N, C-alpha and C. Protein backbone atom coordinates (compact mmCIF):
# COMPACT_ATOMS: atom_id res chain seq x y z
N MET A 1 162.67 -126.85 -126.53
CA MET A 1 162.64 -127.05 -128.18
C MET A 1 162.06 -125.70 -128.99
N LEU A 2 162.59 -125.46 -129.75
CA LEU A 2 161.77 -124.18 -130.46
C LEU A 2 160.68 -124.85 -131.44
N PRO A 3 159.74 -123.82 -131.37
CA PRO A 3 158.63 -124.52 -132.21
C PRO A 3 158.82 -124.70 -133.82
N ASN A 4 158.32 -125.71 -134.58
CA ASN A 4 158.73 -125.94 -136.02
C ASN A 4 158.54 -124.89 -136.84
N ALA A 5 157.63 -123.83 -136.45
CA ALA A 5 157.71 -122.72 -137.71
C ALA A 5 158.72 -121.81 -137.34
N ALA A 6 159.52 -121.62 -136.15
CA ALA A 6 160.40 -120.96 -135.81
C ALA A 6 161.73 -121.45 -136.36
N LEU A 7 162.03 -122.69 -136.54
CA LEU A 7 163.25 -123.30 -137.24
C LEU A 7 163.05 -123.04 -138.51
N THR A 8 162.03 -123.26 -139.31
CA THR A 8 161.92 -122.80 -140.74
C THR A 8 162.38 -121.60 -141.03
N ASN A 9 162.58 -120.47 -140.30
CA ASN A 9 163.07 -119.14 -140.67
C ASN A 9 164.26 -118.71 -139.87
N LEU A 10 165.12 -119.83 -139.49
CA LEU A 10 166.39 -119.31 -138.97
C LEU A 10 167.29 -119.96 -139.84
N THR A 11 168.58 -119.23 -140.09
CA THR A 11 169.88 -119.67 -140.72
C THR A 11 170.28 -120.85 -140.11
N ALA A 12 171.14 -121.66 -140.82
CA ALA A 12 171.86 -122.56 -140.50
C ALA A 12 172.82 -122.09 -139.16
N MET A 13 173.30 -120.80 -139.35
CA MET A 13 174.37 -120.45 -138.38
C MET A 13 173.36 -120.26 -137.02
N GLU A 14 172.16 -119.78 -137.23
CA GLU A 14 171.35 -119.47 -136.04
C GLU A 14 170.76 -120.81 -135.50
N THR A 15 170.54 -121.73 -136.22
CA THR A 15 169.88 -122.84 -135.60
C THR A 15 171.28 -123.66 -134.87
N ASN A 16 172.46 -123.61 -135.39
CA ASN A 16 173.54 -124.44 -134.51
C ASN A 16 173.96 -123.58 -133.45
N ALA A 17 173.75 -121.88 -133.58
CA ALA A 17 174.02 -121.23 -132.19
C ALA A 17 172.86 -121.47 -131.03
N ILE A 18 171.91 -121.72 -131.40
CA ILE A 18 170.66 -122.21 -130.58
C ILE A 18 171.04 -123.68 -129.89
N ALA A 19 171.27 -124.44 -130.66
CA ALA A 19 171.68 -125.81 -130.25
C ALA A 19 172.93 -125.85 -129.27
N ASP A 20 173.92 -124.82 -129.26
CA ASP A 20 175.10 -124.87 -128.51
C ASP A 20 174.83 -124.06 -127.32
N ALA A 21 173.95 -123.22 -127.62
CA ALA A 21 173.62 -122.19 -126.25
C ALA A 21 172.45 -122.78 -125.48
N GLY A 22 172.40 -122.24 -124.12
CA GLY A 22 171.13 -122.65 -123.33
C GLY A 22 170.12 -121.85 -123.80
N LEU A 23 168.91 -122.50 -123.71
CA LEU A 23 167.75 -122.08 -124.21
C LEU A 23 166.46 -121.56 -123.11
N VAL A 24 165.89 -120.60 -122.94
CA VAL A 24 164.84 -120.22 -121.63
C VAL A 24 163.84 -119.66 -122.85
N THR A 25 162.65 -120.17 -122.17
CA THR A 25 161.24 -119.57 -122.72
C THR A 25 160.90 -118.64 -121.85
N VAL A 26 160.34 -117.63 -122.10
CA VAL A 26 159.58 -116.56 -121.24
C VAL A 26 158.40 -116.23 -121.95
N SER A 27 157.23 -116.20 -121.13
CA SER A 27 155.68 -116.06 -121.81
C SER A 27 155.10 -114.92 -121.16
N PHE A 28 154.77 -114.06 -121.84
CA PHE A 28 154.18 -112.97 -121.45
C PHE A 28 152.81 -113.13 -121.23
N ILE A 29 152.18 -113.32 -120.13
CA ILE A 29 150.72 -113.46 -119.78
C ILE A 29 150.03 -112.11 -119.48
N VAL A 30 149.17 -111.97 -120.47
CA VAL A 30 148.33 -110.69 -120.70
C VAL A 30 146.93 -110.83 -120.28
N ASP A 31 146.36 -109.87 -119.17
CA ASP A 31 145.00 -110.12 -118.73
C ASP A 31 144.19 -109.24 -119.71
N THR A 32 143.64 -110.29 -120.72
CA THR A 32 142.58 -109.84 -121.71
C THR A 32 141.55 -109.28 -121.33
N GLU A 33 140.94 -109.84 -120.30
CA GLU A 33 139.43 -109.46 -119.58
C GLU A 33 139.72 -107.90 -118.98
N TYR A 34 140.84 -107.62 -118.42
CA TYR A 34 141.06 -106.26 -118.26
C TYR A 34 141.02 -105.31 -119.26
N ILE A 35 141.78 -105.67 -120.37
CA ILE A 35 141.96 -104.76 -121.49
C ILE A 35 140.59 -104.43 -122.17
N LEU A 36 139.97 -105.70 -122.15
CA LEU A 36 138.48 -105.49 -123.05
C LEU A 36 137.50 -104.84 -122.11
N ARG A 37 137.58 -104.77 -120.78
CA ARG A 37 136.81 -104.09 -120.11
C ARG A 37 137.19 -102.53 -119.88
N ASN A 38 138.50 -102.14 -119.88
CA ASN A 38 138.66 -100.76 -119.70
C ASN A 38 139.19 -100.14 -121.19
N PHE A 39 139.36 -100.76 -122.21
CA PHE A 39 139.56 -100.33 -123.53
C PHE A 39 138.65 -100.66 -124.47
N PRO A 40 137.34 -100.46 -124.48
CA PRO A 40 136.46 -100.90 -125.42
C PRO A 40 136.71 -100.40 -126.77
N ASP A 41 137.24 -99.19 -127.11
CA ASP A 41 137.46 -98.70 -128.33
C ASP A 41 138.81 -98.25 -128.50
N ALA A 42 139.71 -99.22 -128.23
CA ALA A 42 141.39 -99.25 -128.28
C ALA A 42 141.52 -98.85 -129.89
N SER A 43 142.98 -98.26 -129.74
CA SER A 43 143.31 -98.01 -131.27
C SER A 43 143.57 -99.12 -132.10
N LEU A 44 143.00 -99.09 -133.44
CA LEU A 44 143.30 -100.08 -134.51
C LEU A 44 144.54 -99.83 -135.17
N ASN A 45 145.16 -98.74 -135.04
CA ASN A 45 146.37 -98.23 -135.81
C ASN A 45 147.56 -98.42 -134.77
N CYS A 46 148.44 -99.35 -135.21
CA CYS A 46 149.77 -100.02 -134.35
C CYS A 46 150.62 -98.69 -134.31
N LYS A 47 150.46 -97.65 -134.96
CA LYS A 47 151.36 -96.52 -134.77
C LYS A 47 150.96 -95.74 -133.66
N SER A 48 149.66 -95.83 -133.07
CA SER A 48 149.18 -95.21 -131.88
C SER A 48 148.66 -96.14 -131.05
N ALA A 49 149.41 -97.17 -130.54
CA ALA A 49 148.98 -98.11 -129.67
C ALA A 49 148.65 -97.37 -128.38
N VAL A 50 147.76 -98.03 -127.50
CA VAL A 50 147.32 -97.61 -126.11
C VAL A 50 148.23 -98.01 -125.25
N ARG A 51 148.79 -97.27 -124.24
CA ARG A 51 149.81 -97.68 -123.18
C ARG A 51 148.92 -98.17 -122.06
N ILE A 52 149.47 -99.45 -121.76
CA ILE A 52 148.64 -100.06 -120.43
C ILE A 52 149.63 -100.39 -119.18
N ASP A 53 149.35 -100.23 -118.09
CA ASP A 53 149.85 -100.61 -116.83
C ASP A 53 150.48 -101.79 -116.90
N ALA A 54 151.84 -101.86 -116.41
CA ALA A 54 152.56 -102.90 -116.40
C ALA A 54 151.92 -104.21 -115.55
N GLY A 55 151.10 -103.74 -114.54
CA GLY A 55 150.29 -104.54 -113.65
C GLY A 55 149.42 -105.61 -114.50
N VAL A 56 148.94 -105.30 -115.53
CA VAL A 56 148.07 -106.13 -116.46
C VAL A 56 148.91 -107.31 -117.30
N LEU A 57 150.11 -107.33 -117.01
CA LEU A 57 151.12 -108.39 -117.53
C LEU A 57 152.08 -108.99 -116.67
N SER A 58 152.22 -110.43 -116.78
CA SER A 58 153.30 -110.86 -115.93
C SER A 58 154.10 -111.83 -116.85
N MET A 59 155.08 -112.05 -116.17
CA MET A 59 156.11 -113.31 -117.00
C MET A 59 156.21 -114.57 -116.29
N LEU A 60 156.28 -115.74 -117.10
CA LEU A 60 156.50 -116.85 -116.63
C LEU A 60 157.66 -117.47 -117.40
N CYS A 61 158.24 -118.57 -116.64
CA CYS A 61 159.57 -119.30 -117.27
C CYS A 61 159.74 -120.34 -116.70
N ASP A 62 160.29 -121.30 -117.18
CA ASP A 62 160.72 -122.74 -116.64
C ASP A 62 161.41 -122.38 -115.32
N MET A 63 161.04 -123.11 -114.36
CA MET A 63 161.34 -122.87 -112.95
C MET A 63 162.96 -123.10 -112.74
N LYS A 64 163.53 -123.82 -113.52
CA LYS A 64 164.80 -123.96 -113.45
C LYS A 64 165.74 -122.62 -113.67
N SER A 65 165.21 -121.67 -114.51
CA SER A 65 165.92 -120.72 -115.10
C SER A 65 165.36 -119.46 -114.10
N VAL A 66 164.37 -119.69 -113.34
CA VAL A 66 163.91 -118.40 -112.65
C VAL A 66 164.70 -118.20 -111.53
N VAL A 67 165.23 -116.98 -111.06
CA VAL A 67 166.01 -116.69 -109.87
C VAL A 67 164.85 -115.75 -108.73
N SER A 68 164.13 -114.79 -109.48
CA SER A 68 162.90 -114.38 -108.80
C SER A 68 161.91 -113.63 -109.68
N GLY A 69 161.13 -113.35 -109.29
CA GLY A 69 159.77 -112.47 -109.87
C GLY A 69 158.91 -113.25 -110.89
N TYR A 70 158.79 -114.88 -110.51
CA TYR A 70 157.87 -115.60 -111.34
C TYR A 70 156.51 -115.00 -111.28
N ASN A 71 155.68 -114.92 -112.12
CA ASN A 71 154.51 -114.45 -112.27
C ASN A 71 154.36 -112.94 -111.99
N THR A 72 155.28 -112.17 -112.25
CA THR A 72 155.35 -110.63 -112.11
C THR A 72 155.97 -110.10 -113.23
N GLN A 73 155.58 -108.81 -113.07
CA GLN A 73 156.17 -107.81 -114.29
C GLN A 73 157.85 -107.45 -114.07
N ASN A 74 158.45 -108.22 -113.01
CA ASN A 74 159.66 -108.00 -112.99
C ASN A 74 160.64 -109.10 -112.52
N MET A 75 161.14 -109.90 -113.70
CA MET A 75 161.73 -111.08 -113.46
C MET A 75 163.23 -111.33 -113.70
N THR A 76 163.85 -112.07 -112.74
CA THR A 76 165.33 -112.40 -112.88
C THR A 76 165.32 -113.83 -113.37
N ILE A 77 166.16 -113.97 -114.21
CA ILE A 77 166.43 -115.32 -114.75
C ILE A 77 168.02 -115.68 -114.71
N LYS A 78 168.31 -116.84 -114.55
CA LYS A 78 169.86 -117.37 -114.65
C LYS A 78 169.85 -117.81 -116.19
N ALA A 79 170.94 -117.17 -117.05
CA ALA A 79 171.47 -117.35 -118.37
C ALA A 79 172.81 -116.86 -118.57
N GLY A 80 173.41 -117.41 -119.49
CA GLY A 80 174.75 -116.94 -119.79
C GLY A 80 174.83 -116.26 -121.11
N VAL A 81 175.66 -115.46 -121.22
CA VAL A 81 176.12 -114.54 -122.52
C VAL A 81 175.97 -115.54 -123.79
N GLY A 82 175.40 -115.19 -124.81
CA GLY A 82 175.14 -116.27 -125.71
C GLY A 82 173.75 -117.09 -125.60
N ASP A 83 173.27 -117.41 -124.37
CA ASP A 83 172.07 -117.91 -124.32
C ASP A 83 171.12 -117.32 -125.00
N VAL A 84 170.01 -118.21 -125.49
CA VAL A 84 168.78 -117.70 -126.15
C VAL A 84 167.68 -117.85 -125.34
N ILE A 85 167.02 -116.67 -125.51
CA ILE A 85 165.89 -116.63 -124.72
C ILE A 85 164.51 -116.33 -125.90
N VAL A 86 163.42 -117.06 -125.78
CA VAL A 86 162.42 -117.06 -126.47
C VAL A 86 161.26 -116.65 -125.79
N PHE A 87 160.69 -115.38 -126.48
CA PHE A 87 159.54 -114.89 -125.82
C PHE A 87 158.18 -114.95 -126.65
N THR A 88 157.41 -115.34 -125.98
CA THR A 88 155.92 -115.76 -126.22
C THR A 88 154.66 -114.80 -125.64
N ALA A 89 153.76 -114.87 -125.78
CA ALA A 89 152.42 -113.95 -125.39
C ALA A 89 151.35 -114.99 -125.38
N GLU A 90 150.52 -114.84 -124.37
CA GLU A 90 149.25 -115.53 -124.37
C GLU A 90 148.32 -114.81 -123.47
N PRO A 91 146.99 -115.12 -123.48
CA PRO A 91 146.12 -114.41 -122.56
C PRO A 91 146.08 -115.07 -121.23
N LYS A 92 145.70 -114.56 -120.19
CA LYS A 92 145.73 -114.96 -118.72
C LYS A 92 144.74 -115.86 -118.42
N GLN A 93 143.53 -115.76 -119.06
CA GLN A 93 142.41 -116.69 -119.05
C GLN A 93 142.74 -117.89 -119.89
N TYR A 94 142.73 -119.14 -119.12
CA TYR A 94 142.94 -120.47 -119.74
C TYR A 94 142.16 -120.65 -120.93
N ILE A 95 140.80 -120.47 -120.82
CA ILE A 95 139.83 -120.76 -121.80
C ILE A 95 139.29 -119.14 -122.30
N ALA A 96 140.09 -118.76 -123.42
CA ALA A 96 139.59 -117.38 -123.53
C ALA A 96 139.16 -117.23 -125.18
N ASN A 97 138.19 -116.28 -125.46
CA ASN A 97 138.08 -116.13 -126.76
C ASN A 97 138.87 -115.01 -127.59
N GLU A 98 140.00 -114.76 -126.90
CA GLU A 98 140.89 -113.79 -127.18
C GLU A 98 142.27 -114.40 -127.69
N CYS A 99 143.14 -113.72 -128.58
CA CYS A 99 144.28 -114.22 -128.42
C CYS A 99 145.33 -113.12 -128.57
N ILE A 100 146.55 -112.89 -128.52
CA ILE A 100 147.69 -112.00 -128.32
C ILE A 100 148.40 -112.34 -129.50
N GLN A 101 148.94 -111.16 -130.23
CA GLN A 101 150.04 -111.45 -131.13
C GLN A 101 150.92 -110.29 -130.82
N LEU A 102 152.29 -110.79 -130.48
CA LEU A 102 153.47 -109.84 -130.33
C LEU A 102 153.69 -109.06 -131.47
N TYR A 103 154.14 -108.11 -131.67
CA TYR A 103 154.35 -107.38 -132.78
C TYR A 103 156.00 -106.56 -132.56
N LYS A 104 156.32 -106.33 -131.34
CA LYS A 104 157.59 -105.62 -131.05
C LYS A 104 157.99 -105.87 -129.57
N ILE A 105 159.28 -106.01 -129.45
CA ILE A 105 159.92 -105.98 -127.93
C ILE A 105 160.86 -105.36 -128.27
N VAL A 106 161.10 -104.14 -127.43
CA VAL A 106 162.33 -103.25 -127.42
C VAL A 106 163.20 -103.42 -126.18
N PRO A 107 164.21 -103.63 -126.28
CA PRO A 107 165.03 -103.46 -124.99
C PRO A 107 165.85 -102.32 -124.92
N TRP A 108 165.46 -101.33 -123.93
CA TRP A 108 165.72 -100.17 -123.58
C TRP A 108 167.44 -100.12 -123.55
N ILE A 109 167.89 -100.91 -122.83
CA ILE A 109 169.54 -100.64 -122.49
C ILE A 109 169.97 -101.80 -123.39
N GLU A 110 169.47 -102.54 -124.19
CA GLU A 110 170.39 -103.55 -125.21
C GLU A 110 171.19 -104.42 -124.83
N ARG A 111 170.86 -104.84 -123.77
CA ARG A 111 171.45 -106.15 -123.22
C ARG A 111 171.30 -107.53 -123.79
N LEU A 112 169.97 -107.30 -124.51
CA LEU A 112 169.52 -108.48 -125.37
C LEU A 112 169.50 -107.97 -126.88
N ASN A 113 169.80 -109.06 -127.61
CA ASN A 113 169.66 -108.90 -129.16
C ASN A 113 168.31 -109.45 -129.55
N ILE A 114 167.04 -108.80 -129.58
CA ILE A 114 165.79 -109.43 -129.77
C ILE A 114 165.54 -109.35 -131.24
N GLN A 115 165.21 -110.69 -131.85
CA GLN A 115 164.51 -110.58 -133.28
C GLN A 115 163.18 -111.16 -133.27
N PRO A 116 162.34 -111.05 -134.50
CA PRO A 116 161.14 -111.74 -134.50
C PRO A 116 161.61 -113.06 -135.13
N TYR A 117 160.86 -114.18 -135.25
CA TYR A 117 160.89 -115.44 -135.70
C TYR A 117 160.77 -115.25 -137.35
N LYS A 118 159.88 -114.49 -137.64
CA LYS A 118 159.74 -114.01 -139.03
C LYS A 118 159.36 -112.95 -139.13
N SER A 119 159.16 -112.24 -140.63
CA SER A 119 158.80 -110.77 -140.76
C SER A 119 157.38 -110.50 -140.22
N GLU A 120 157.40 -109.32 -139.75
CA GLU A 120 156.11 -108.92 -139.12
C GLU A 120 154.94 -108.88 -140.04
N ALA A 121 153.94 -109.31 -139.50
CA ALA A 121 152.48 -109.38 -140.70
C ALA A 121 151.89 -107.93 -140.50
N ASP A 122 151.28 -107.49 -141.43
CA ASP A 122 150.38 -106.43 -141.36
C ASP A 122 149.39 -106.30 -140.16
N GLN A 123 150.17 -105.03 -139.37
CA GLN A 123 149.49 -105.04 -138.11
C GLN A 123 147.83 -104.01 -138.21
N THR A 124 147.75 -103.56 -139.33
CA THR A 124 146.76 -102.61 -139.29
C THR A 124 145.55 -103.04 -139.73
N SER A 125 145.28 -104.24 -140.28
CA SER A 125 144.24 -105.13 -140.79
C SER A 125 143.12 -105.13 -139.62
N GLU A 126 141.94 -104.48 -140.18
CA GLU A 126 140.82 -104.88 -139.18
C GLU A 126 139.75 -105.81 -139.61
N GLU A 127 140.23 -106.55 -140.58
CA GLU A 127 139.35 -107.62 -141.23
C GLU A 127 139.23 -109.01 -140.13
N CYS A 128 138.06 -109.70 -140.28
CA CYS A 128 138.00 -110.80 -139.72
C CYS A 128 138.88 -111.80 -140.14
N CYS A 129 139.55 -112.63 -139.31
CA CYS A 129 140.15 -113.68 -139.93
C CYS A 129 140.32 -114.99 -138.94
N LYS A 130 140.88 -116.14 -139.45
CA LYS A 130 141.13 -117.30 -138.62
C LYS A 130 142.18 -116.74 -137.28
N LYS A 131 142.33 -117.60 -136.61
CA LYS A 131 143.23 -117.19 -135.60
C LYS A 131 144.50 -116.84 -135.76
N PRO A 132 145.06 -115.57 -135.38
CA PRO A 132 146.18 -115.16 -135.95
C PRO A 132 147.26 -115.78 -135.45
N GLU A 133 148.50 -116.07 -136.17
CA GLU A 133 149.47 -116.88 -135.87
C GLU A 133 150.23 -115.97 -134.73
N ALA A 134 150.85 -116.73 -133.73
CA ALA A 134 151.53 -116.06 -132.80
C ALA A 134 153.09 -115.54 -133.37
N ASN A 135 153.19 -114.38 -132.95
CA ASN A 135 154.84 -113.89 -133.34
C ASN A 135 155.64 -113.85 -132.27
N ASN A 136 156.59 -114.93 -132.19
CA ASN A 136 157.17 -115.16 -131.18
C ASN A 136 158.58 -114.36 -131.37
N PHE A 137 159.50 -114.08 -130.51
CA PHE A 137 160.57 -113.56 -130.52
C PHE A 137 161.72 -114.22 -129.98
N MET A 138 162.92 -114.13 -130.45
CA MET A 138 164.10 -114.64 -130.06
C MET A 138 165.22 -113.61 -129.47
N ALA A 139 165.75 -113.81 -128.40
CA ALA A 139 166.52 -112.77 -128.14
C ALA A 139 167.87 -113.79 -127.60
N MET A 140 169.18 -113.09 -127.97
CA MET A 140 170.47 -113.63 -127.69
C MET A 140 171.02 -112.77 -126.58
N VAL A 141 171.58 -113.38 -125.40
CA VAL A 141 171.87 -112.29 -124.14
C VAL A 141 173.34 -111.98 -124.67
N LYS A 142 173.45 -110.74 -124.81
CA LYS A 142 174.54 -109.80 -125.31
C LYS A 142 175.69 -109.80 -123.95
N ARG A 143 174.92 -109.16 -122.66
CA ARG A 143 175.44 -108.93 -121.62
C ARG A 143 174.45 -109.15 -120.34
N LYS A 144 175.14 -109.66 -119.48
CA LYS A 144 174.07 -109.93 -118.05
C LYS A 144 173.74 -108.77 -117.56
N GLY A 145 172.66 -108.42 -116.68
CA GLY A 145 172.42 -107.39 -115.97
C GLY A 145 170.89 -106.98 -116.19
N LYS A 146 170.45 -105.73 -115.58
CA LYS A 146 169.03 -105.45 -115.74
C LYS A 146 168.64 -104.98 -117.12
N GLU A 147 167.39 -105.07 -117.49
CA GLU A 147 166.98 -104.49 -118.59
C GLU A 147 165.53 -104.07 -118.55
N GLN A 148 165.22 -103.05 -119.35
CA GLN A 148 163.75 -102.58 -119.20
C GLN A 148 163.45 -103.04 -120.60
N LEU A 149 162.16 -103.77 -120.76
CA LEU A 149 161.49 -104.00 -121.93
C LEU A 149 160.19 -103.21 -122.27
N GLU A 150 160.35 -102.86 -123.57
CA GLU A 150 158.88 -102.37 -123.92
C GLU A 150 158.19 -103.43 -124.86
N LEU A 151 157.03 -103.82 -124.49
CA LEU A 151 156.24 -104.86 -125.35
C LEU A 151 155.25 -104.32 -125.88
N ARG A 152 155.02 -104.63 -127.22
CA ARG A 152 153.85 -104.11 -128.48
C ARG A 152 153.16 -105.26 -128.68
N PHE A 153 151.93 -105.34 -128.55
CA PHE A 153 151.10 -106.40 -129.10
C PHE A 153 149.59 -105.91 -129.30
N SER A 154 149.05 -107.08 -130.03
CA SER A 154 147.72 -106.86 -130.48
C SER A 154 146.82 -107.78 -129.71
N VAL A 155 145.70 -107.35 -129.77
CA VAL A 155 144.57 -108.13 -128.90
C VAL A 155 143.49 -108.61 -129.99
N TYR A 156 143.25 -109.82 -130.02
CA TYR A 156 142.32 -110.19 -131.06
C TYR A 156 141.07 -110.85 -130.37
N THR A 157 139.94 -110.59 -130.74
CA THR A 157 138.71 -111.49 -130.08
C THR A 157 137.85 -112.39 -131.11
N SER A 158 137.51 -113.12 -130.62
CA SER A 158 137.14 -114.22 -131.28
C SER A 158 135.12 -114.10 -131.48
N SER A 159 134.71 -114.54 -132.42
CA SER A 159 133.27 -114.49 -132.68
C SER A 159 132.82 -115.56 -133.69
N ASN A 160 132.09 -116.60 -133.24
CA ASN A 160 131.96 -117.68 -134.27
C ASN A 160 133.18 -118.15 -134.97
N GLY A 161 134.25 -118.33 -134.37
CA GLY A 161 135.51 -119.03 -134.97
C GLY A 161 136.19 -118.26 -135.92
N SER A 162 135.94 -116.73 -135.91
CA SER A 162 136.78 -115.91 -136.78
C SER A 162 137.26 -114.76 -135.64
N TYR A 163 138.27 -114.22 -135.89
CA TYR A 163 139.01 -113.34 -135.17
C TYR A 163 139.16 -111.95 -135.78
N SER A 164 138.89 -111.13 -134.87
CA SER A 164 138.94 -109.51 -135.34
C SER A 164 139.66 -108.80 -134.50
N LEU A 165 140.47 -107.77 -134.83
CA LEU A 165 141.19 -106.87 -134.35
C LEU A 165 140.56 -106.11 -133.20
N HIS A 166 140.99 -106.12 -132.04
CA HIS A 166 140.00 -105.27 -131.14
C HIS A 166 141.28 -104.08 -130.77
N GLY A 167 142.53 -104.25 -130.68
CA GLY A 167 143.33 -102.93 -130.50
C GLY A 167 144.68 -103.34 -130.39
N HIS A 168 145.66 -102.54 -130.30
CA HIS A 168 147.08 -102.38 -130.29
C HIS A 168 147.49 -101.70 -128.90
N PHE A 169 148.29 -102.23 -128.06
CA PHE A 169 148.58 -101.90 -127.04
C PHE A 169 150.15 -101.93 -126.80
N TYR A 170 150.63 -101.23 -125.74
CA TYR A 170 152.05 -101.45 -125.32
C TYR A 170 152.23 -101.20 -123.79
N CYS A 171 153.20 -101.89 -123.27
CA CYS A 171 153.87 -101.69 -121.74
C CYS A 171 154.91 -101.58 -121.86
N ASP A 172 155.71 -100.31 -121.14
CA ASP A 172 157.11 -100.05 -121.30
C ASP A 172 157.71 -99.86 -119.83
N LEU A 173 157.40 -100.72 -119.07
CA LEU A 173 157.87 -100.97 -117.61
C LEU A 173 158.16 -102.23 -117.03
N LEU A 174 158.60 -103.05 -118.02
CA LEU A 174 158.81 -104.68 -117.62
C LEU A 174 160.29 -104.67 -117.41
N GLY A 175 160.43 -104.89 -116.03
CA GLY A 175 161.84 -105.40 -115.70
C GLY A 175 162.25 -106.69 -115.98
N PHE A 176 163.49 -106.92 -116.51
CA PHE A 176 163.91 -108.14 -116.84
C PHE A 176 165.43 -108.24 -116.59
N GLU A 177 165.81 -109.35 -115.58
CA GLU A 177 167.54 -109.36 -115.64
C GLU A 177 167.84 -110.61 -115.73
N VAL A 178 169.08 -110.54 -116.18
CA VAL A 178 169.94 -112.01 -116.48
C VAL A 178 170.96 -111.79 -115.64
N VAL A 179 171.08 -113.02 -114.92
CA VAL A 179 172.12 -113.09 -113.97
C VAL A 179 173.07 -114.23 -114.21
């Protein structure tokens, strides 16, 4: 089921399409400890995000949809044309003082039509804030086959209940296949 915040920003036609299609949720798991340790002075400008190795990320999905690649950076799932895939992101460490905010997912081959749930927030702010809202993305499967995804995201760190931007990052070698 989609989060309530996601449903409020969908049109009636989009909501009906989701109800009629299969729904698969894929979570990008990001090793924030690796990022903080290796990129202490990361870029605060989303137009010059820091490229990271795909090994820092992995993908999780409900087990009934996974064909192969569970908890790796190359996943194959079962889905049909017209099915909906919801993409989310979270830190690898269960109890973390960091949060991840997706701000762009680009399919290089365009087998997926990927859209954010809501308009993108201002990604250049360096001010401390409460925990940033997660930006989730929804994709409609246009064609089955292999896809290469570029993932762009921000890492926020927490201190005394306030979050501040640590930096912007991207990874462009994520293999994703729909069979």
